Amino acid sequence: MSEVKKFRLTCIICPLGCTIEVTMEGDRITGITGCTCPRGEEYAVQEVTEPKRVVMSVVKVKGGMFPTVSVKSDRPVPKELIPKIMRELAGVEVEAPVRVGQVIVENILGTGANIVATREA
């Protein structure tokens, strides 16, 4: 018989902030309680099976008004890849001028997410 695990989450999908409890046996979800909407249930499933986050950081700018520009991923990436993505971004340097929305790194680590500038530099 598989080990039973319980995860307690606060939903971040809407302002209600529901407290959701997910019960798992091994890799299988056996119960979800506390959701007041289907979106909360989707969030909980995603969070316990394959958590993802939007990455925010800075990269170096050569010849710009500022030495760095803020960047973020244009979609959530697997949480376990964030340390590798941060190491990758530490080695990136872009040439000024940089525009808001400009793709700085395309398809970072094969995730399908682009790293884009969030301000001008």
C-alpha atoms as a PDB file:
ATOM      1  CA  MET A   1       0.000   0.000   0.000  1.00  0.00           C
ATOM      2  CA  SER A   2       1.282   3.473  -0.922  1.00  0.00           C
ATOM      3  CA  GLU A   3       2.073   6.156   1.599  1.00  0.00           C
ATOM      4  CA  VAL A   4      -0.700   8.719   2.105  1.00  0.00           C
ATOM      5  CA  LYS A   5       0.421  12.355   1.914  1.00  0.00           C
ATOM      6  CA  LYS A   6      -1.613  15.489   2.566  1.00  0.00           C
ATOM      7  CA  PHE A   7      -0.774  18.885   1.118  1.00  0.00           C
ATOM      8  CA  ARG A   8      -2.331  22.083   2.431  1.00  0.00           C
ATOM      9  CA  LEU A   9      -2.288  24.960  -0.076  1.00  0.00           C
ATOM     10  CA  THR A  10      -3.618  28.483  -0.254  1.00  0.00           C
ATOM     11  CA  CYS A  11      -5.080  29.040  -3.709  1.00  0.00           C
ATOM     12  CA  ILE A  12      -3.648  32.063  -5.539  1.00  0.00           C
ATOM     13  CA  ILE A  13      -5.963  32.000  -8.556  1.00  0.00           C
ATOM     14  CA  CYS A  14      -8.527  34.515  -7.272  1.00  0.00           C
ATOM     15  CA  PRO A  15      -8.886  36.872  -4.290  1.00  0.00           C
ATOM     16  CA  LEU A  16     -10.791  34.289  -2.174  1.00  0.00           C
ATOM     17  CA  GLY A  17      -7.552  32.526  -1.175  1.00  0.00           C
ATOM     18  CA  CYS A  18      -9.236  29.197  -0.460  1.00  0.00           C
ATOM     19  CA  THR A  19      -7.401  26.738   1.770  1.00  0.00           C
ATOM     20  CA  ILE A  20      -7.200  23.547  -0.255  1.00  0.00           C
ATOM     21  CA  GLU A  21      -6.199  20.152   1.027  1.00  0.00           C
ATOM     22  CA  VAL A  22      -4.958  17.537  -1.436  1.00  0.00           C
ATOM     23  CA  THR A  23      -4.599  13.899  -0.416  1.00  0.00           C
ATOM     24  CA  MET A  24      -2.323  11.625  -2.415  1.00  0.00           C
ATOM     25  CA  GLU A  25      -1.553   7.934  -2.290  1.00  0.00           C
ATOM     26  CA  GLY A  26       1.762   7.496  -4.049  1.00  0.00           C
ATOM     27  CA  ASP A  27       1.515   9.534  -7.252  1.00  0.00           C
ATOM     28  CA  ARG A  28      -2.286   9.417  -7.372  1.00  0.00           C
ATOM     29  CA  ILE A  29      -4.552  12.195  -6.095  1.00  0.00           C
ATOM     30  CA  THR A  30      -7.296  10.629  -3.998  1.00  0.00           C
ATOM     31  CA  GLY A  31      -9.024  13.736  -2.686  1.00  0.00           C
ATOM     32  CA  ILE A  32      -9.255  17.507  -3.003  1.00  0.00           C
ATOM     33  CA  THR A  33     -11.247  19.603  -0.528  1.00  0.00           C
ATOM     34  CA  GLY A  34     -11.659  23.293   0.166  1.00  0.00           C
ATOM     35  CA  CYS A  35     -12.023  24.577  -3.415  1.00  0.00           C
ATOM     36  CA  THR A  36     -14.896  26.917  -4.118  1.00  0.00           C
ATOM     37  CA  CYS A  37     -14.359  26.841  -7.892  1.00  0.00           C
ATOM     38  CA  PRO A  38     -13.003  24.505 -10.589  1.00  0.00           C
ATOM     39  CA  ARG A  39     -10.027  26.812 -11.196  1.00  0.00           C
ATOM     40  CA  GLY A  40      -8.889  26.233  -7.613  1.00  0.00           C
ATOM     41  CA  GLU A  41      -9.015  22.503  -8.131  1.00  0.00           C
ATOM     42  CA  GLU A  42      -6.934  22.823 -11.329  1.00  0.00           C
ATOM     43  CA  TYR A  43      -4.410  24.974  -9.438  1.00  0.00           C
ATOM     44  CA  ALA A  44      -4.141  22.397  -6.634  1.00  0.00           C
ATOM     45  CA  VAL A  45      -3.600  19.497  -9.048  1.00  0.00           C
ATOM     46  CA  GLN A  46      -0.913  21.473 -10.910  1.00  0.00           C
ATOM     47  CA  GLU A  47       0.791  22.539  -7.685  1.00  0.00           C
ATOM     48  CA  VAL A  48       1.156  19.034  -6.240  1.00  0.00           C
ATOM     49  CA  THR A  49       1.952  17.199  -9.490  1.00  0.00           C
ATOM     50  CA  GLU A  50       4.004  19.664 -11.551  1.00  0.00           C
ATOM     51  CA  PRO A  51       4.529  23.071  -9.892  1.00  0.00           C
ATOM     52  CA  LYS A  52       5.417  25.967 -12.184  1.00  0.00           C
ATOM     53  CA  ARG A  53       6.430  29.565 -11.612  1.00  0.00           C
ATOM     54  CA  VAL A  54       7.110  32.723 -13.603  1.00  0.00           C
ATOM     55  CA  VAL A  55      10.810  33.577 -13.259  1.00  0.00           C
ATOM     56  CA  MET A  56      11.883  37.179 -12.625  1.00  0.00           C
ATOM     57  CA  SER A  57      15.486  38.357 -12.675  1.00  0.00           C
ATOM     58  CA  VAL A  58      17.874  40.847 -14.260  1.00  0.00           C
ATOM     59  CA  VAL A  59      20.450  40.539 -17.033  1.00  0.00           C
ATOM     60  CA  LYS A  60      23.455  42.707 -17.808  1.00  0.00           C
ATOM     61  CA  VAL A  61      23.180  45.502 -20.378  1.00  0.00           C
ATOM     62  CA  LYS A  62      26.160  46.725 -22.384  1.00  0.00           C
ATOM     63  CA  GLY A  63      26.131  50.393 -23.382  1.00  0.00           C
ATOM     64  CA  GLY A  64      22.798  51.268 -21.789  1.00  0.00           C
ATOM     65  CA  MET A  65      21.537  53.878 -19.351  1.00  0.00           C
ATOM     66  CA  PHE A  66      21.473  51.190 -16.647  1.00  0.00           C
ATOM     67  CA  PRO A  67      23.863  48.274 -15.998  1.00  0.00           C
ATOM     68  CA  THR A  68      20.996  45.753 -15.896  1.00  0.00           C
ATOM     69  CA  VAL A  69      17.473  45.279 -17.205  1.00  0.00           C
ATOM     70  CA  SER A  70      14.671  43.425 -15.427  1.00  0.00           C
ATOM     71  CA  VAL A  71      13.373  40.347 -17.204  1.00  0.00           C
ATOM     72  CA  LYS A  72      10.760  37.644 -16.682  1.00  0.00           C
ATOM     73  CA  SER A  73       9.593  34.469 -18.331  1.00  0.00           C
ATOM     74  CA  ASP A  74       6.577  34.958 -20.593  1.00  0.00           C
ATOM     75  CA  ARG A  75       4.960  31.825 -19.122  1.00  0.00           C
ATOM     76  CA  PRO A  76       5.426  29.640 -16.060  1.00  0.00           C
ATOM     77  CA  VAL A  77       8.319  27.163 -16.120  1.00  0.00           C
ATOM     78  CA  PRO A  78       8.816  23.977 -14.093  1.00  0.00           C
ATOM     79  CA  LYS A  79       9.793  24.975 -10.558  1.00  0.00           C
ATOM     80  CA  GLU A  80      12.689  22.504 -10.429  1.00  0.00           C
ATOM     81  CA  LEU A  81      14.372  24.278 -13.400  1.00  0.00           C
ATOM     82  CA  ILE A  82      14.472  27.710 -11.745  1.00  0.00           C
ATOM     83  CA  PRO A  83      18.018  27.350 -10.298  1.00  0.00           C
ATOM     84  CA  LYS A  84      19.355  26.306 -13.739  1.00  0.00           C
ATOM     85  CA  ILE A  85      17.498  29.171 -15.421  1.00  0.00           C
ATOM     86  CA  MET A  86      18.955  31.653 -12.929  1.00  0.00           C
ATOM     87  CA  ARG A  87      22.490  30.351 -13.626  1.00  0.00           C
ATOM     88  CA  GLU A  88      21.838  30.683 -17.358  1.00  0.00           C
ATOM     89  CA  LEU A  89      20.610  34.271 -16.965  1.00  0.00           C
ATOM     90  CA  ALA A  90      23.673  35.194 -14.883  1.00  0.00           C
ATOM     91  CA  GLY A  91      25.785  34.712 -18.011  1.00  0.00           C
ATOM     92  CA  VAL A  92      23.560  36.740 -20.359  1.00  0.00           C
ATOM     93  CA  GLU A  93      24.544  40.236 -21.516  1.00  0.00           C
ATOM     94  CA  VAL A  94      22.503  42.232 -24.024  1.00  0.00           C
ATOM     95  CA  GLU A  95      23.414  45.249 -26.107  1.00  0.00           C
ATOM     96  CA  ALA A  96      21.469  48.486 -25.566  1.00  0.00           C
ATOM     97  CA  PRO A  97      18.937  49.668 -26.501  1.00  0.00           C
ATOM     98  CA  VAL A  98      16.532  47.188 -24.920  1.00  0.00           C
ATOM     99  CA  ARG A  99      12.766  47.593 -25.340  1.00  0.00           C
ATOM    100  CA  VAL A 100       9.921  46.392 -23.113  1.00  0.00           C
ATOM    101  CA  GLY A 101       8.783  42.969 -24.333  1.00  0.00           C
ATOM    102  CA  GLN A 102      11.987  42.306 -26.245  1.00  0.00           C
ATOM    103  CA  VAL A 103      12.909  38.612 -26.201  1.00  0.00           C
ATOM    104  CA  ILE A 104      16.245  38.325 -24.409  1.00  0.00           C
ATOM    105  CA  VAL A 105      16.504  34.504 -24.374  1.00  0.00           C
ATOM    106  CA  GLU A 106      14.281  32.405 -26.595  1.00  0.00           C
ATOM    107  CA  ASN A 107      12.973  29.041 -25.332  1.00  0.00           C
ATOM    108  CA  ILE A 108      15.029  29.053 -22.131  1.00  0.00           C
ATOM    109  CA  LEU A 109      16.355  25.536 -21.418  1.00  0.00           C
ATOM    110  CA  GLY A 110      13.855  24.062 -23.880  1.00  0.00           C
ATOM    111  CA  THR A 111      10.866  25.019 -21.707  1.00  0.00           C
ATOM    112  CA  GLY A 112       9.020  26.892 -24.459  1.00  0.00           C
ATOM    113  CA  ALA A 113       9.227  30.045 -22.332  1.00  0.00           C
ATOM    114  CA  ASN A 114      10.979  33.159 -23.552  1.00  0.00           C
ATOM    115  CA  ILE A 115      12.796  35.545 -21.225  1.00  0.00           C
ATOM    116  CA  VAL A 116      11.570  39.057 -22.034  1.00  0.00           C
ATOM    117  CA  ALA A 117      12.572  42.540 -20.896  1.00  0.00           C
ATOM    118  CA  THR A 118      10.134  44.231 -18.534  1.00  0.00           C
ATOM    119  CA  ARG A 119      11.557  47.742 -18.921  1.00  0.00           C
ATOM    120  CA  GLU A 120      13.707  49.760 -21.286  1.00  0.00           C
ATOM    121  CA  ALA A 121      17.442  49.982 -20.899  1.00  0.00           C
END
